[in-house]
Amino acid sequence: MAALATTNIKPSNVSYPIERNVHTCEFEATVLLDIVESCLHGSSSEWIFLRELRVGTGYHRSSAQRLDAFALNCLPHTSMKRVCYEVKRSRADFLCEIKQPLKRRIGLRYSNEFYFVTPKGLLNIAEIPVECGLVEIGGLSEDERESMLSTSGTFVHFDPDLNTYCRTSVPAPWRETPGPTWQFVAGMLRNQQKLFRGRFPKPPNQQRLPFIE
């Protein structure tokens, strides 16, 4: 795999009722996932990309946890790679999650790679748990792009029209995990069924939480 990859962001197959503000770091959570999908999982023949995926179908005590995004590679030679994404738009939200590692247990259970997705500069690399990776989304000027192109060892994808980039700042370690359960498969099928019927998943419910030492 090349140390540096560039690509253009193509419009998502699904239109979400959002506005893109590509000149600041204040991306909406859905926009962050739009860019991740377009940059990293743009081939619909290879990838299935699901948003706001419930890991089951039951509603008893609201036990079915939601994943912000889940990508499944459909090619056998990739070992049917599964990637889980957790969107964080504020440091408070991230730090609260770090204090509750069990919240990541479901995402780690069903994925081979687990990534936090954030606006650029929100987190320090040293803060990322060893079992996770980090994908950063940001806007950039032409000078910043040239500087980033000269940086080795970083996987970067660019959108020259919107002047945005998607960078894998911390590659997630590969983990061998068991296959999905029937509950999880049913949740995936329901998620796709809603899309086919024009009932888009709700945008991730991200909010700024106070962080208490």
Protein backbone atom coordinates (compact mmCIF):
# COMPACT_ATOMS: atom_id res chain seq x y z
CA MET A 1 0.00 0.00 0.00
CA ALA A 2 1.35 3.42 -0.88
CA ALA A 3 2.28 5.71 1.95
CA LEU A 4 0.25 8.49 0.40
CA ALA A 5 -3.01 8.28 -1.50
CA THR A 6 -5.04 11.06 -3.05
CA THR A 7 -8.57 10.98 -4.32
CA ASN A 8 -11.49 13.23 -5.08
CA ILE A 9 -14.54 13.12 -2.88
CA LYS A 10 -17.58 12.06 -4.86
CA PRO A 11 -21.11 12.89 -3.80
CA SER A 12 -22.59 10.30 -1.48
CA ASN A 13 -25.18 7.94 -2.89
CA VAL A 14 -27.59 9.23 -0.27
CA SER A 15 -28.55 12.88 0.15
CA TYR A 16 -28.76 14.03 3.74
CA PRO A 17 -30.42 17.31 4.78
CA ILE A 18 -27.24 19.07 5.88
CA GLU A 19 -25.09 22.02 4.99
CA ARG A 20 -21.37 21.64 4.28
CA ASN A 21 -19.12 24.18 5.93
CA VAL A 22 -15.71 23.21 4.61
CA HIS A 23 -13.85 26.34 5.66
CA THR A 24 -13.93 25.65 9.39
CA CYS A 25 -13.37 22.72 11.71
CA GLU A 26 -17.01 22.83 12.82
CA PHE A 27 -18.15 20.06 10.51
CA GLU A 28 -21.52 18.51 11.20
CA ALA A 29 -21.22 14.87 12.24
CA THR A 30 -23.00 13.75 9.08
CA VAL A 31 -20.55 15.71 6.92
CA LEU A 32 -17.63 13.99 8.64
CA LEU A 33 -19.15 10.64 7.73
CA ASP A 34 -19.87 11.82 4.17
CA ILE A 35 -16.17 12.55 3.71
CA VAL A 36 -15.08 9.27 5.31
CA GLU A 37 -17.45 7.31 3.07
CA SER A 38 -16.39 9.12 -0.10
CA CYS A 39 -12.66 8.95 0.62
CA LEU A 40 -12.25 5.54 2.20
CA HIS A 41 -15.29 3.54 1.05
CA GLY A 42 -16.31 5.18 -2.21
CA SER A 43 -16.64 1.98 -4.25
CA SER A 44 -20.21 0.75 -3.75
CA SER A 45 -19.32 -2.56 -5.43
CA GLU A 46 -16.65 -3.19 -2.80
CA TRP A 47 -17.98 -1.53 0.36
CA ILE A 48 -21.26 -1.43 2.25
CA PHE A 49 -21.30 1.70 4.40
CA LEU A 50 -23.99 1.91 7.10
CA ARG A 51 -24.74 4.88 9.35
CA GLU A 52 -26.41 4.91 12.75
CA LEU A 53 -26.43 1.14 12.75
CA ARG A 54 -28.27 -0.61 15.55
CA VAL A 55 -26.44 -3.80 16.49
CA GLY A 56 -29.71 -5.66 16.97
CA THR A 57 -33.44 -5.48 16.37
CA GLY A 58 -34.87 -5.67 19.86
CA TYR A 59 -36.20 -2.67 21.75
CA HIS A 60 -36.43 -4.19 25.23
CA ARG A 61 -34.82 -1.70 27.62
CA SER A 62 -33.22 0.01 24.58
CA SER A 63 -30.52 -2.65 24.70
CA ALA A 64 -29.46 -2.36 21.05
CA GLN A 65 -26.48 0.01 20.91
CA ARG A 66 -25.92 2.21 17.87
CA LEU A 67 -22.69 2.56 15.91
CA ASP A 68 -22.09 5.91 14.20
CA ALA A 69 -20.88 4.12 11.07
CA PHE A 70 -19.92 0.61 10.03
CA ALA A 71 -18.17 -0.40 6.79
CA LEU A 72 -18.08 -3.94 5.42
CA ASN A 73 -15.76 -4.94 2.57
CA CYS A 74 -17.50 -7.41 0.26
CA LEU A 75 -14.36 -8.87 -1.36
CA PRO A 76 -13.28 -12.27 -0.01
CA HIS A 77 -9.54 -11.59 -0.43
CA THR A 78 -9.83 -8.76 2.14
CA SER A 79 -11.17 -11.26 4.70
CA MET A 80 -14.47 -9.33 4.55
CA LYS A 81 -12.85 -6.44 6.42
CA ARG A 82 -15.09 -4.68 8.93
CA VAL A 83 -14.43 -1.12 10.12
CA CYS A 84 -16.28 0.76 12.88
CA TYR A 85 -16.30 4.57 13.14
CA GLU A 86 -17.12 6.68 16.18
CA VAL A 87 -17.59 10.40 15.53
CA LYS A 88 -16.34 12.90 18.12
CA ARG A 89 -16.79 16.64 17.54
CA SER A 90 -15.68 17.90 20.96
CA ARG A 91 -12.89 17.04 23.36
CA ALA A 92 -15.40 16.74 26.21
CA ASP A 93 -17.30 14.03 24.36
CA PHE A 94 -14.08 12.14 23.60
CA LEU A 95 -12.73 12.39 27.16
CA CYS A 96 -16.03 11.18 28.60
CA GLU A 97 -15.90 8.15 26.32
CA ILE A 98 -12.29 7.38 27.26
CA LYS A 99 -13.47 7.16 30.86
CA GLN A 100 -16.07 4.58 29.80
CA PRO A 101 -14.17 1.99 27.71
CA LEU A 102 -17.10 -0.43 27.84
CA LYS A 103 -18.95 1.88 25.42
CA ARG A 104 -16.50 0.77 22.71
CA ARG A 105 -16.92 -2.91 23.46
CA ILE A 106 -19.69 -3.48 20.89
CA GLY A 107 -17.87 -1.59 18.13
CA LEU A 108 -14.66 -3.50 18.86
CA ARG A 109 -16.52 -6.80 18.98
CA TYR A 110 -17.91 -6.51 15.44
CA SER A 111 -15.01 -4.77 13.68
CA ASN A 112 -11.46 -5.58 12.62
CA GLU A 113 -10.49 -1.91 12.89
CA PHE A 114 -11.99 0.80 15.12
CA TYR A 115 -11.53 4.51 14.37
CA PHE A 116 -12.43 7.78 16.02
CA VAL A 117 -13.41 10.42 13.44
CA THR A 118 -12.78 14.04 14.45
CA PRO A 119 -12.18 17.50 13.00
CA LYS A 120 -8.47 18.15 12.55
CA GLY A 121 -6.45 19.08 15.61
CA LEU A 122 -9.12 18.08 18.12
CA LEU A 123 -7.10 15.26 19.69
CA ASN A 124 -3.48 14.44 20.36
CA ILE A 125 -2.17 11.21 18.92
CA ALA A 126 -1.01 10.12 22.38
CA GLU A 127 -4.63 10.22 23.58
CA ILE A 128 -5.83 7.51 21.21
CA PRO A 129 -6.28 4.11 22.92
CA VAL A 130 -3.91 1.43 21.61
CA GLU A 131 -6.77 -0.63 20.17
CA CYS A 132 -8.15 2.31 18.15
CA GLY A 133 -7.16 4.56 15.26
CA LEU A 134 -7.82 8.20 14.35
CA VAL A 135 -9.20 9.73 11.15
CA GLU A 136 -9.06 13.54 10.96
CA ILE A 137 -11.16 15.71 8.64
CA GLY A 138 -10.26 19.29 7.82
CA GLY A 139 -10.26 22.14 5.37
CA LEU A 140 -6.94 23.37 4.01
CA SER A 141 -5.37 26.03 1.85
CA GLU A 142 -3.19 25.31 -1.18
CA ASP A 143 -0.05 25.91 0.89
CA GLU A 144 -1.26 23.50 3.57
CA ARG A 145 -1.96 20.91 0.92
CA GLU A 146 1.54 21.17 -0.50
CA SER A 147 2.95 20.82 3.01
CA MET A 148 0.83 17.76 3.67
CA LEU A 149 1.85 16.17 0.39
CA SER A 150 5.47 16.42 1.46
CA THR A 151 4.75 14.61 4.74
CA SER A 152 5.72 10.96 4.49
CA GLY A 153 4.11 8.07 6.32
CA THR A 154 0.61 9.61 6.29
CA PHE A 155 -2.41 8.33 4.40
CA VAL A 156 -4.22 11.38 3.01
CA HIS A 157 -7.15 11.79 0.62
CA PHE A 158 -7.98 15.20 -0.87
CA ASP A 159 -11.00 16.91 -2.37
CA PRO A 160 -9.57 19.73 -4.53
CA ASP A 161 -12.99 21.26 -5.17
CA LEU A 162 -14.01 21.67 -1.53
CA ASN A 163 -10.43 22.00 -0.21
CA THR A 164 -10.95 19.29 2.39
CA TYR A 165 -8.90 16.29 3.35
CA CYS A 166 -9.35 12.98 5.14
CA ARG A 167 -6.23 11.76 6.92
CA THR A 168 -5.58 8.51 8.76
CA SER A 169 -3.46 10.07 11.47
CA VAL A 170 -3.30 6.88 13.56
CA PRO A 171 -3.79 3.56 11.71
CA ALA A 172 -5.95 1.21 13.74
CA PRO A 173 -4.42 -2.19 14.54
CA TRP A 174 -6.04 -5.17 12.83
CA ARG A 175 -7.94 -7.40 15.25
CA GLU A 176 -9.27 -10.87 14.49
CA THR A 177 -12.85 -10.95 15.74
CA PRO A 178 -15.70 -13.48 15.51
CA GLY A 179 -18.25 -13.17 12.74
CA PRO A 180 -21.46 -11.16 13.23
CA THR A 181 -24.47 -12.59 15.01
CA TRP A 182 -27.87 -12.99 13.37
CA GLN A 183 -29.07 -10.05 15.48
CA PHE A 184 -26.35 -7.89 13.97
CA VAL A 185 -27.09 -9.10 10.42
CA ALA A 186 -30.79 -8.30 10.96
CA GLY A 187 -29.83 -4.81 12.13
CA MET A 188 -27.75 -4.27 8.98
CA LEU A 189 -30.60 -5.42 6.74
CA ARG A 190 -33.07 -3.14 8.50
CA ASN A 191 -30.68 -0.22 8.11
CA GLN A 192 -30.42 -0.84 4.35
CA GLN A 193 -34.15 -1.38 4.06
CA LYS A 194 -34.80 2.06 5.53
CA LEU A 195 -32.48 3.61 2.95
CA PHE A 196 -34.23 1.83 0.10
CA ARG A 197 -37.54 3.18 1.37
CA GLY A 198 -36.19 6.70 1.66
CA ARG A 199 -36.17 6.70 5.46
CA PHE A 200 -32.68 7.98 6.14
CA PRO A 201 -31.01 7.13 9.46
CA LYS A 202 -31.02 9.95 11.96
CA PRO A 203 -27.75 11.96 12.03
CA PRO A 204 -25.44 10.99 14.92
CA ASN A 205 -26.58 12.66 18.13
CA GLN A 206 -23.39 14.49 19.03
CA GLN A 207 -23.42 17.06 21.80
CA ARG A 208 -20.90 18.97 23.83
CA LEU A 209 -20.68 17.52 27.32
CA PRO A 210 -19.03 19.15 30.32
CA PHE A 211 -15.83 17.41 31.33
CA ILE A 212 -15.20 17.14 35.05
CA GLU A 213 -11.75 16.24 36.30
